[in-house]
Amino acid sequence: MTENNSAAPSTDSLDALSYEEAREQLVAVVSRLEAGGASLEESLALWERGEALAKRCEDWLEGARKRLATARDASNDAGAAAGTD
């Protein structure tokens, strides 16, 4: 049995991906799985890569939500302080 490492998740390579890169790779993985024709081993590797990419995208989105909340809170605090003069 040969192992296909090209689709295997790599934490280092995932950490370096931007949200857009991870999303594009996830779309490619899903398209490949939907097209069929891959061996069971390759399909499993693609599935694992897709799961890792989906988590990376979710991590990016969660970080963005936190940054927005922080900015919104800072803006609200600044507005409240300005209104107390």
Protein backbone atom coordinates (compact mmCIF):
# COMPACT_ATOMS: atom_id res chain seq x y z
CA MET A 1 0.00 0.00 0.00
CA THR A 2 1.37 3.43 -0.91
CA GLU A 3 0.71 6.42 1.24
CA ASN A 4 -0.28 9.74 -0.30
CA ASN A 5 1.27 12.44 1.89
CA SER A 6 0.24 15.30 -0.37
CA ALA A 7 -3.24 15.41 1.16
CA ALA A 8 -2.22 14.63 4.74
CA PRO A 9 -2.70 17.42 7.26
CA SER A 10 0.42 19.25 8.30
CA THR A 11 0.09 21.56 11.29
CA ASP A 12 3.02 23.69 10.16
CA SER A 13 1.63 24.27 6.70
CA LEU A 14 -1.87 24.94 8.07
CA ASP A 15 -0.63 27.53 10.57
CA ALA A 16 0.96 29.49 7.75
CA LEU A 17 -2.23 29.65 5.67
CA SER A 18 -4.33 32.78 5.46
CA TYR A 19 -8.08 32.41 5.71
CA GLU A 20 -8.44 32.78 1.95
CA GLU A 21 -5.74 30.18 1.22
CA ALA A 22 -7.29 27.69 3.64
CA ARG A 23 -10.75 28.27 2.16
CA GLU A 24 -9.49 27.80 -1.41
CA GLN A 25 -7.74 24.57 -0.46
CA LEU A 26 -10.86 23.36 1.34
CA VAL A 27 -12.97 24.03 -1.77
CA ALA A 28 -10.45 22.06 -3.84
CA VAL A 29 -10.55 19.13 -1.40
CA VAL A 30 -14.36 19.07 -1.40
CA SER A 31 -14.42 19.22 -5.21
CA ARG A 32 -11.98 16.33 -5.41
CA LEU A 33 -14.02 14.23 -3.00
CA GLU A 34 -17.25 15.03 -4.84
CA ALA A 35 -15.70 14.09 -8.18
CA GLY A 36 -15.02 10.59 -6.88
CA GLY A 37 -12.54 8.20 -8.39
CA ALA A 38 -10.04 8.47 -5.55
CA SER A 39 -8.92 5.36 -3.72
CA LEU A 40 -10.18 4.78 -0.20
CA GLU A 41 -6.80 5.73 1.24
CA GLU A 42 -6.64 8.93 -0.79
CA SER A 43 -10.26 9.78 0.09
CA LEU A 44 -9.49 9.38 3.79
CA ALA A 45 -6.42 11.59 3.49
CA LEU A 46 -8.45 14.21 1.62
CA TRP A 47 -11.18 14.04 4.27
CA GLU A 48 -8.61 14.53 7.05
CA ARG A 49 -7.05 17.46 5.19
CA GLY A 50 -10.50 18.96 4.69
CA GLU A 51 -11.30 18.66 8.38
CA ALA A 52 -8.01 20.36 9.27
CA LEU A 53 -8.62 23.13 6.73
CA ALA A 54 -12.16 23.68 8.01
CA LYS A 55 -10.81 24.02 11.55
CA ARG A 56 -8.20 26.51 10.32
CA CYS A 57 -10.94 28.59 8.67
CA GLU A 58 -13.03 28.47 11.84
CA ASP A 59 -10.01 29.54 13.92
CA TRP A 60 -9.48 32.52 11.60
CA LEU A 61 -13.16 33.49 11.82
CA GLU A 62 -13.19 33.17 15.61
CA GLY A 63 -10.11 35.40 15.80
CA ALA A 64 -11.82 37.94 13.57
CA ARG A 65 -14.94 37.88 15.78
CA LYS A 66 -12.81 38.53 18.87
CA ARG A 67 -10.97 41.40 17.18
CA LEU A 68 -14.26 42.97 16.11
CA ALA A 69 -15.70 42.62 19.61
CA THR A 70 -12.59 44.21 21.10
CA ALA A 71 -12.72 47.09 18.63
CA ARG A 72 -16.46 47.56 19.23
CA ASP A 73 -15.94 47.57 23.00
CA ALA A 74 -13.10 50.09 22.70
CA SER A 75 -15.25 52.29 20.48
CA ASN A 76 -18.16 52.09 22.92
CA ASP A 77 -15.86 52.90 25.85
CA ALA A 78 -14.42 55.90 23.99
CA GLY A 79 -17.90 57.12 23.12
CA ALA A 80 -19.11 56.74 26.68
CA ALA A 81 -16.07 58.58 28.04
CA ALA A 82 -16.55 61.40 25.54
CA GLY A 83 -20.18 61.75 26.60
CA THR A 84 -19.29 62.26 30.27
CA ASP A 85 -17.53 65.60 29.77
